[in-house]
């Protein structure tokens, strides 16, 4: 089984695929340059995973781990800066509404919280690219001995 982070990231990709503005253009952990044909789109990244140990679970003294996962949803759009920013705002609206509509990702996590949004304009290319990064903290729990199993 994949690590719990992978399962969570895949669930977010699934949740955000099909939004009105970005449609099917949702990519997990995209590291290669995006093609203009991919835009507008979302890329989903899991970053820091802060672990605290909690209670003992059953036989063998296996502890559970409470984890706070930093998840980044990055919206990308190109074109005229004024209209691109409006499109980015629309994408952010759609993402925020979808994420709050399923705050446990179908029971995989305990809760999620939007902590900040950062906007950026990259004007180095032929056309400017506007990006917004929505930062979420997702709380989940696993067994210390089984980080691939969400509890």
N, C-alpha and C. Protein backbone atom coordinates (compact mmCIF):
# COMPACT_ATOMS: atom_id res chain seq x y z
N UNK A 1 0.84 -1.20 0.00
CA UNK A 1 0.00 0.00 0.00
C UNK A 1 0.88 1.25 0.00
N UNK A 2 0.38 2.31 -0.60
CA UNK A 2 1.16 3.55 -0.60
C UNK A 2 1.10 4.23 0.77
N UNK A 3 2.03 5.13 1.00
CA UNK A 3 2.04 5.94 2.22
C UNK A 3 0.71 6.69 2.32
N UNK A 4 0.29 6.98 3.53
CA UNK A 4 -0.96 7.70 3.74
C UNK A 4 -0.97 9.05 3.02
N UNK A 5 0.19 9.72 2.94
CA UNK A 5 0.27 10.99 2.21
C UNK A 5 -0.13 10.83 0.75
N UNK A 6 0.30 9.73 0.13
CA UNK A 6 -0.05 9.47 -1.26
C UNK A 6 -1.55 9.27 -1.41
N UNK A 7 -2.13 8.51 -0.51
CA UNK A 7 -3.58 8.27 -0.52
C UNK A 7 -4.34 9.59 -0.38
N UNK A 8 -3.88 10.44 0.52
CA UNK A 8 -4.53 11.73 0.75
C UNK A 8 -4.37 12.63 -0.48
N UNK A 9 -3.16 12.70 -1.03
CA UNK A 9 -2.92 13.53 -2.21
C UNK A 9 -3.81 13.08 -3.37
N UNK A 10 -3.90 11.76 -3.58
CA UNK A 10 -4.75 11.23 -4.64
C UNK A 10 -6.22 11.57 -4.42
N UNK A 11 -6.65 11.57 -3.16
CA UNK A 11 -8.04 11.93 -2.85
C UNK A 11 -8.32 13.39 -3.16
N UNK A 12 -7.34 14.26 -2.90
CA UNK A 12 -7.51 15.68 -3.23
C UNK A 12 -7.56 15.87 -4.74
N UNK A 13 -6.70 15.17 -5.47
CA UNK A 13 -6.73 15.24 -6.94
C UNK A 13 -8.11 14.82 -7.44
N UNK A 14 -8.62 13.74 -6.92
CA UNK A 14 -9.94 13.24 -7.32
C UNK A 14 -11.03 14.26 -6.99
N UNK A 15 -10.97 14.84 -5.79
CA UNK A 15 -11.96 15.82 -5.35
C UNK A 15 -11.97 17.05 -6.26
N UNK A 16 -10.79 17.49 -6.69
CA UNK A 16 -10.68 18.74 -7.45
C UNK A 16 -10.75 18.55 -8.96
N UNK A 17 -10.74 17.32 -9.43
CA UNK A 17 -10.87 17.06 -10.86
C UNK A 17 -12.32 17.28 -11.29
N UNK A 18 -12.48 18.05 -12.34
CA UNK A 18 -13.82 18.31 -12.85
C UNK A 18 -14.40 19.65 -12.44
N UNK A 19 -13.60 20.50 -11.76
CA UNK A 19 -14.10 21.84 -11.43
C UNK A 19 -14.35 22.61 -12.72
N UNK A 20 -15.23 23.58 -12.67
CA UNK A 20 -15.65 24.30 -13.88
C UNK A 20 -14.50 24.92 -14.66
N UNK A 21 -13.58 25.56 -13.99
CA UNK A 21 -12.53 26.31 -14.69
C UNK A 21 -11.34 25.45 -15.09
N UNK A 22 -10.93 24.52 -14.24
CA UNK A 22 -9.73 23.72 -14.53
C UNK A 22 -10.06 22.36 -15.14
N UNK A 23 -11.28 21.89 -15.01
CA UNK A 23 -11.70 20.63 -15.62
C UNK A 23 -10.84 19.45 -15.19
N UNK A 24 -10.33 18.73 -16.18
CA UNK A 24 -9.51 17.53 -15.93
C UNK A 24 -8.04 17.87 -15.71
N UNK A 25 -7.67 19.14 -15.81
CA UNK A 25 -6.27 19.56 -15.68
C UNK A 25 -5.86 19.69 -14.22
N UNK A 26 -5.73 18.55 -13.55
CA UNK A 26 -5.32 18.49 -12.15
C UNK A 26 -4.20 17.45 -12.07
N UNK A 27 -3.03 17.89 -11.57
CA UNK A 27 -1.85 17.04 -11.60
C UNK A 27 -1.23 16.89 -10.21
N UNK A 28 -1.01 15.64 -9.77
CA UNK A 28 -0.34 15.44 -8.48
C UNK A 28 1.17 15.64 -8.62
N UNK A 29 1.74 16.49 -7.77
CA UNK A 29 3.19 16.66 -7.68
C UNK A 29 3.88 16.87 -9.02
N UNK A 30 3.34 17.72 -9.83
CA UNK A 30 3.93 17.99 -11.15
C UNK A 30 5.26 18.71 -10.96
N UNK A 31 6.33 18.18 -11.51
CA UNK A 31 7.64 18.80 -11.37
C UNK A 31 8.17 19.33 -12.69
N UNK A 32 7.53 18.95 -13.80
CA UNK A 32 7.98 19.42 -15.09
C UNK A 32 7.23 20.69 -15.48
N UNK A 33 7.84 21.45 -16.36
CA UNK A 33 7.21 22.70 -16.83
C UNK A 33 5.86 22.39 -17.45
N UNK A 34 4.89 23.22 -17.13
CA UNK A 34 3.55 23.06 -17.69
C UNK A 34 3.52 23.62 -19.10
N UNK A 35 2.85 22.94 -19.98
CA UNK A 35 2.64 23.40 -21.34
C UNK A 35 1.44 24.35 -21.34
N UNK A 36 1.42 25.31 -22.23
CA UNK A 36 0.30 26.26 -22.32
C UNK A 36 -1.03 25.53 -22.52
N UNK A 37 -1.00 24.36 -23.17
CA UNK A 37 -2.22 23.58 -23.38
C UNK A 37 -2.77 23.00 -22.09
N UNK A 38 -1.94 22.95 -21.04
CA UNK A 38 -2.36 22.43 -19.74
C UNK A 38 -3.12 23.46 -18.91
N UNK A 39 -3.09 24.72 -19.34
CA UNK A 39 -3.62 25.81 -18.53
C UNK A 39 -5.05 26.17 -18.93
N UNK A 40 -5.88 26.61 -18.00
CA UNK A 40 -5.61 26.69 -16.57
C UNK A 40 -5.57 25.29 -15.94
N UNK A 41 -4.84 25.18 -14.84
CA UNK A 41 -4.74 23.88 -14.20
C UNK A 41 -4.44 24.03 -12.71
N UNK A 42 -4.47 22.88 -12.05
CA UNK A 42 -4.09 22.78 -10.64
C UNK A 42 -2.98 21.76 -10.50
N UNK A 43 -2.02 22.04 -9.64
CA UNK A 43 -1.04 21.03 -9.24
C UNK A 43 -1.18 20.85 -7.73
N UNK A 44 -1.06 19.61 -7.28
CA UNK A 44 -1.28 19.27 -5.87
C UNK A 44 0.04 18.74 -5.30
N UNK A 45 0.47 19.31 -4.18
CA UNK A 45 1.75 18.93 -3.58
C UNK A 45 1.57 18.71 -2.07
N UNK A 46 2.16 17.65 -1.57
CA UNK A 46 2.23 17.46 -0.12
C UNK A 46 3.63 17.83 0.32
N UNK A 47 3.73 18.59 1.37
CA UNK A 47 5.03 19.10 1.83
C UNK A 47 5.32 18.55 3.22
N UNK A 48 5.48 19.41 4.15
CA UNK A 48 5.84 19.03 5.52
C UNK A 48 4.76 18.19 6.17
N UNK A 49 5.19 17.19 6.92
CA UNK A 49 4.28 16.30 7.64
C UNK A 49 4.76 16.26 9.10
N UNK A 50 4.13 17.03 9.96
CA UNK A 50 4.54 17.14 11.36
C UNK A 50 3.86 16.04 12.16
N UNK A 51 4.67 15.26 12.90
CA UNK A 51 4.17 14.08 13.61
C UNK A 51 4.26 14.28 15.12
N UNK A 52 3.16 13.96 15.80
CA UNK A 52 3.17 13.85 17.26
C UNK A 52 2.61 12.49 17.62
N UNK A 53 3.17 11.90 18.67
CA UNK A 53 2.72 10.58 19.10
C UNK A 53 1.64 10.74 20.16
N UNK A 54 0.66 9.85 20.08
CA UNK A 54 -0.42 9.93 21.05
C UNK A 54 -0.54 8.60 21.78
N UNK A 55 -1.72 8.15 22.00
CA UNK A 55 -2.01 7.02 22.86
C UNK A 55 -1.51 5.68 22.33
N UNK A 56 -1.41 4.73 23.23
CA UNK A 56 -1.04 3.36 22.88
C UNK A 56 -2.25 2.65 22.32
N UNK A 57 -2.06 1.91 21.22
CA UNK A 57 -3.16 1.18 20.60
C UNK A 57 -2.95 -0.31 20.82
N UNK A 58 -3.79 -0.91 21.62
CA UNK A 58 -3.85 -2.37 21.75
C UNK A 58 -2.57 -3.06 22.15
N UNK A 59 -2.45 -4.30 21.72
CA UNK A 59 -1.35 -5.18 22.08
C UNK A 59 -0.07 -4.74 21.37
N UNK A 60 1.06 -4.88 22.08
CA UNK A 60 2.35 -4.56 21.49
C UNK A 60 2.74 -3.10 21.66
N UNK A 61 1.94 -2.34 22.36
CA UNK A 61 2.24 -0.93 22.64
C UNK A 61 2.51 -0.08 21.41
N UNK A 62 1.83 -0.37 20.33
CA UNK A 62 1.95 0.43 19.12
C UNK A 62 1.24 1.76 19.35
N UNK A 63 1.96 2.84 19.15
CA UNK A 63 1.37 4.16 19.35
C UNK A 63 0.71 4.65 18.06
N UNK A 64 -0.23 5.54 18.22
CA UNK A 64 -0.79 6.20 17.05
C UNK A 64 -0.05 7.52 16.85
N UNK A 65 -0.06 8.00 15.63
CA UNK A 65 0.57 9.26 15.31
C UNK A 65 -0.48 10.23 14.78
N UNK A 66 -0.52 11.38 15.38
CA UNK A 66 -1.32 12.48 14.86
C UNK A 66 -0.42 13.23 13.91
N UNK A 67 -0.89 13.46 12.71
CA UNK A 67 -0.05 14.14 11.72
C UNK A 67 -0.75 15.38 11.18
N UNK A 68 0.04 16.42 10.98
CA UNK A 68 -0.43 17.66 10.37
C UNK A 68 0.31 17.80 9.04
N UNK A 69 -0.39 17.53 7.97
CA UNK A 69 0.20 17.53 6.63
C UNK A 69 -0.02 18.88 5.96
N UNK A 70 1.06 19.44 5.46
CA UNK A 70 0.98 20.67 4.69
C UNK A 70 0.70 20.31 3.23
N UNK A 71 -0.44 20.74 2.74
CA UNK A 71 -0.85 20.46 1.36
C UNK A 71 -0.94 21.78 0.60
N UNK A 72 -0.36 21.80 -0.60
CA UNK A 72 -0.41 22.98 -1.45
C UNK A 72 -1.22 22.66 -2.69
N UNK A 73 -2.21 23.50 -2.97
CA UNK A 73 -2.97 23.44 -4.21
C UNK A 73 -2.57 24.68 -4.99
N UNK A 74 -1.90 24.48 -6.13
CA UNK A 74 -1.41 25.61 -6.90
C UNK A 74 -2.24 25.75 -8.17
N UNK A 75 -2.83 26.93 -8.33
CA UNK A 75 -3.61 27.25 -9.53
C UNK A 75 -2.69 27.99 -10.50
N UNK A 76 -2.72 27.59 -11.77
CA UNK A 76 -1.87 28.18 -12.80
C UNK A 76 -2.75 28.68 -13.95
N UNK A 77 -2.44 29.87 -14.45
CA UNK A 77 -3.14 30.43 -15.61
C UNK A 77 -2.19 31.36 -16.33
N UNK A 78 -2.36 31.50 -17.65
CA UNK A 78 -1.52 32.42 -18.42
C UNK A 78 -2.40 33.41 -19.16
N UNK A 79 -1.74 34.35 -19.81
CA UNK A 79 -2.47 35.32 -20.61
C UNK A 79 -2.34 36.72 -20.06
N UNK A 80 -3.28 37.54 -20.40
CA UNK A 80 -3.33 38.91 -19.93
C UNK A 80 -3.41 38.93 -18.41
N UNK A 81 -2.55 39.71 -17.79
CA UNK A 81 -2.46 39.71 -16.32
C UNK A 81 -3.80 40.02 -15.67
N UNK A 82 -4.54 40.99 -16.20
CA UNK A 82 -5.81 41.37 -15.58
C UNK A 82 -6.82 40.24 -15.65
N UNK A 83 -6.98 39.62 -16.80
CA UNK A 83 -7.97 38.54 -16.90
C UNK A 83 -7.46 37.27 -16.23
N UNK A 84 -6.14 37.05 -16.27
CA UNK A 84 -5.58 35.86 -15.62
C UNK A 84 -5.81 35.91 -14.12
N UNK A 85 -5.66 37.08 -13.53
CA UNK A 85 -5.91 37.20 -12.09
C UNK A 85 -7.36 36.93 -11.75
N UNK A 86 -8.28 37.38 -12.60
CA UNK A 86 -9.69 37.08 -12.38
C UNK A 86 -9.95 35.58 -12.47
N UNK A 87 -9.30 34.93 -13.45
CA UNK A 87 -9.45 33.48 -13.59
C UNK A 87 -8.88 32.77 -12.38
N UNK A 88 -7.73 33.21 -11.91
CA UNK A 88 -7.12 32.61 -10.70
C UNK A 88 -8.05 32.75 -9.51
N UNK A 89 -8.65 33.91 -9.36
CA UNK A 89 -9.60 34.11 -8.25
C UNK A 89 -10.79 33.15 -8.37
N UNK A 90 -11.27 32.94 -9.59
CA UNK A 90 -12.37 32.01 -9.82
C UNK A 90 -11.95 30.58 -9.47
N UNK A 91 -10.74 30.20 -9.88
CA UNK A 91 -10.23 28.86 -9.55
C UNK A 91 -10.14 28.70 -8.03
N UNK A 92 -9.61 29.71 -7.35
CA UNK A 92 -9.50 29.65 -5.89
C UNK A 92 -10.88 29.48 -5.25
N UNK A 93 -11.86 30.21 -5.75
CA UNK A 93 -13.23 30.08 -5.25
C UNK A 93 -13.71 28.64 -5.39
N UNK A 94 -13.52 28.06 -6.56
CA UNK A 94 -13.98 26.69 -6.80
C UNK A 94 -13.24 25.68 -5.92
N UNK A 95 -11.93 25.85 -5.75
CA UNK A 95 -11.14 24.95 -4.91
C UNK A 95 -11.59 25.05 -3.46
N UNK A 96 -11.71 26.28 -2.95
CA UNK A 96 -12.11 26.47 -1.55
C UNK A 96 -13.48 25.86 -1.28
N UNK A 97 -14.42 26.05 -2.20
CA UNK A 97 -15.75 25.48 -2.01
C UNK A 97 -15.72 23.96 -2.03
N UNK A 98 -14.95 23.38 -2.94
CA UNK A 98 -14.87 21.91 -3.02
C UNK A 98 -14.20 21.33 -1.78
N UNK A 99 -13.14 21.97 -1.31
CA UNK A 99 -12.41 21.45 -0.15
C UNK A 99 -13.27 21.52 1.12
N UNK A 100 -13.99 22.60 1.31
CA UNK A 100 -14.80 22.74 2.53
C UNK A 100 -16.05 21.86 2.47
N UNK A 101 -16.46 21.48 1.27
CA UNK A 101 -17.63 20.61 1.13
C UNK A 101 -17.35 19.19 1.59
N UNK A 102 -16.07 18.81 1.63
CA UNK A 102 -15.69 17.46 2.08
C UNK A 102 -14.47 17.58 2.98
N UNK A 103 -14.66 18.11 4.18
CA UNK A 103 -13.56 18.43 5.08
C UNK A 103 -12.83 17.22 5.64
N UNK A 104 -13.33 16.01 5.39
CA UNK A 104 -12.62 14.80 5.84
C UNK A 104 -12.16 13.94 4.67
N UNK A 105 -12.32 14.43 3.46
CA UNK A 105 -11.96 13.68 2.25
C UNK A 105 -12.55 12.27 2.29
N UNK A 106 -13.84 12.23 2.55
CA UNK A 106 -14.53 10.94 2.59
C UNK A 106 -14.14 10.09 3.78
N UNK A 107 -13.70 10.71 4.87
CA UNK A 107 -13.34 9.99 6.08
C UNK A 107 -11.86 9.62 6.18
N UNK A 108 -11.05 10.01 5.21
CA UNK A 108 -9.62 9.70 5.26
C UNK A 108 -8.88 10.51 6.32
N UNK A 109 -9.28 11.77 6.49
CA UNK A 109 -8.60 12.65 7.43
C UNK A 109 -9.57 13.11 8.50
N UNK A 110 -9.01 13.71 9.54
CA UNK A 110 -9.84 14.20 10.65
C UNK A 110 -10.43 15.58 10.33
N UNK A 111 -9.61 16.44 9.71
CA UNK A 111 -10.08 17.77 9.34
C UNK A 111 -9.07 18.45 8.43
N UNK A 112 -9.51 19.53 7.81
CA UNK A 112 -8.60 20.34 7.01
C UNK A 112 -8.90 21.81 7.26
N UNK A 113 -7.86 22.61 7.02
CA UNK A 113 -8.01 24.04 7.25
C UNK A 113 -7.17 24.80 6.23
N UNK A 114 -7.79 25.77 5.57
CA UNK A 114 -7.06 26.67 4.68
C UNK A 114 -6.32 27.65 5.57
N UNK A 115 -4.99 27.75 5.38
CA UNK A 115 -4.19 28.62 6.25
C UNK A 115 -3.70 29.89 5.57
N UNK A 116 -3.56 29.85 4.23
CA UNK A 116 -3.15 31.07 3.52
C UNK A 116 -3.25 30.86 2.02
N UNK A 117 -3.27 31.98 1.31
CA UNK A 117 -3.21 31.97 -0.16
C UNK A 117 -2.17 32.99 -0.58
N UNK A 118 -1.26 32.55 -1.44
CA UNK A 118 -0.22 33.44 -1.97
C UNK A 118 -0.37 33.53 -3.47
N UNK A 119 -0.31 34.76 -4.01
CA UNK A 119 -0.40 34.98 -5.45
C UNK A 119 0.96 35.41 -5.99
N UNK A 120 1.23 35.01 -7.23
CA UNK A 120 2.51 35.32 -7.85
C UNK A 120 2.32 35.48 -9.35
N UNK A 121 3.06 36.42 -9.94
CA UNK A 121 3.03 36.62 -11.38
C UNK A 121 4.44 36.40 -11.91
N UNK A 122 4.57 35.53 -12.91
CA UNK A 122 5.85 35.28 -13.57
C UNK A 122 5.74 35.86 -14.98
N UNK A 123 6.41 36.98 -15.21
CA UNK A 123 6.33 37.66 -16.49
C UNK A 123 7.55 37.39 -17.36
N UNK A 124 8.31 36.35 -17.08
CA UNK A 124 9.54 36.07 -17.82
C UNK A 124 9.30 35.44 -19.19
N UNK A 125 8.20 34.81 -19.40
CA UNK A 125 7.96 34.12 -20.66
C UNK A 125 7.29 34.98 -21.70
N UNK A 126 6.83 34.32 -22.76
CA UNK A 126 6.13 34.99 -23.85
C UNK A 126 4.86 35.68 -23.33
N UNK A 127 4.15 34.98 -22.46
CA UNK A 127 2.99 35.54 -21.79
C UNK A 127 3.18 35.36 -20.29
N UNK A 128 2.66 36.27 -19.50
CA UNK A 128 2.80 36.09 -18.06
C UNK A 128 2.00 34.87 -17.57
N UNK A 129 2.51 34.24 -16.53
CA UNK A 129 1.81 33.15 -15.87
C UNK A 129 1.47 33.62 -14.46
N UNK A 130 0.21 33.48 -14.12
CA UNK A 130 -0.26 33.88 -12.79
C UNK A 130 -0.51 32.60 -12.01
N UNK A 131 -0.05 32.59 -10.75
CA UNK A 131 -0.24 31.42 -9.89
C UNK A 131 -0.78 31.86 -8.54
N UNK A 132 -1.59 31.00 -7.97
CA UNK A 132 -2.05 31.19 -6.59
C UNK A 132 -1.81 29.87 -5.88
N UNK A 133 -1.19 29.94 -4.71
CA UNK A 133 -0.95 28.75 -3.90
C UNK A 133 -1.85 28.79 -2.69
N UNK A 134 -2.76 27.83 -2.61
CA UNK A 134 -3.63 27.69 -1.45
C UNK A 134 -2.97 26.68 -0.52
N UNK A 135 -2.67 27.10 0.69
CA UNK A 135 -1.99 26.25 1.66
C UNK A 135 -3.01 25.72 2.66
N UNK A 136 -3.04 24.41 2.78
CA UNK A 136 -3.95 23.74 3.71
C UNK A 136 -3.15 22.94 4.72
N UNK A 137 -3.70 22.80 5.91
CA UNK A 137 -3.19 21.84 6.90
C UNK A 137 -4.26 20.78 7.03
N UNK A 138 -3.83 19.52 6.83
CA UNK A 138 -4.74 18.38 6.92
C UNK A 138 -4.31 17.54 8.11
N UNK A 139 -5.24 17.25 9.01
CA UNK A 139 -4.97 16.44 10.19
C UNK A 139 -5.42 15.01 9.91
N UNK A 140 -4.50 14.06 10.16
CA UNK A 140 -4.84 12.66 9.98
C UNK A 140 -4.10 11.82 11.00
N UNK A 141 -4.44 10.56 11.06
CA UNK A 141 -3.87 9.68 12.07
C UNK A 141 -3.50 8.34 11.44
N UNK A 142 -2.35 7.80 11.85
CA UNK A 142 -1.90 6.47 11.43
C UNK A 142 -1.31 5.76 12.63
N UNK A 143 -1.12 4.47 12.51
CA UNK A 143 -0.37 3.73 13.51
C UNK A 143 1.12 3.96 13.26
N UNK A 144 1.87 4.03 14.32
CA UNK A 144 3.32 4.22 14.21
C UNK A 144 3.96 3.13 13.33
N UNK A 145 3.46 1.92 13.43
CA UNK A 145 4.02 0.79 12.69
C UNK A 145 3.42 0.62 11.30
N UNK A 146 2.43 1.43 10.95
CA UNK A 146 1.76 1.28 9.66
C UNK A 146 1.42 2.65 9.07
N UNK A 147 2.42 3.42 8.59
CA UNK A 147 2.14 4.73 8.05
C UNK A 147 1.38 4.72 6.72
N UNK A 148 1.04 3.53 6.26
CA UNK A 148 0.25 3.42 5.03
C UNK A 148 -1.24 3.21 5.33
N UNK A 149 -1.58 3.11 6.63
CA UNK A 149 -2.97 2.82 7.01
C UNK A 149 -3.54 3.98 7.83
N UNK A 150 -4.52 4.64 7.25
CA UNK A 150 -5.19 5.74 7.95
C UNK A 150 -6.14 5.19 8.98
N UNK A 151 -6.15 5.80 10.18
CA UNK A 151 -7.08 5.36 11.23
C UNK A 151 -7.89 6.54 11.71
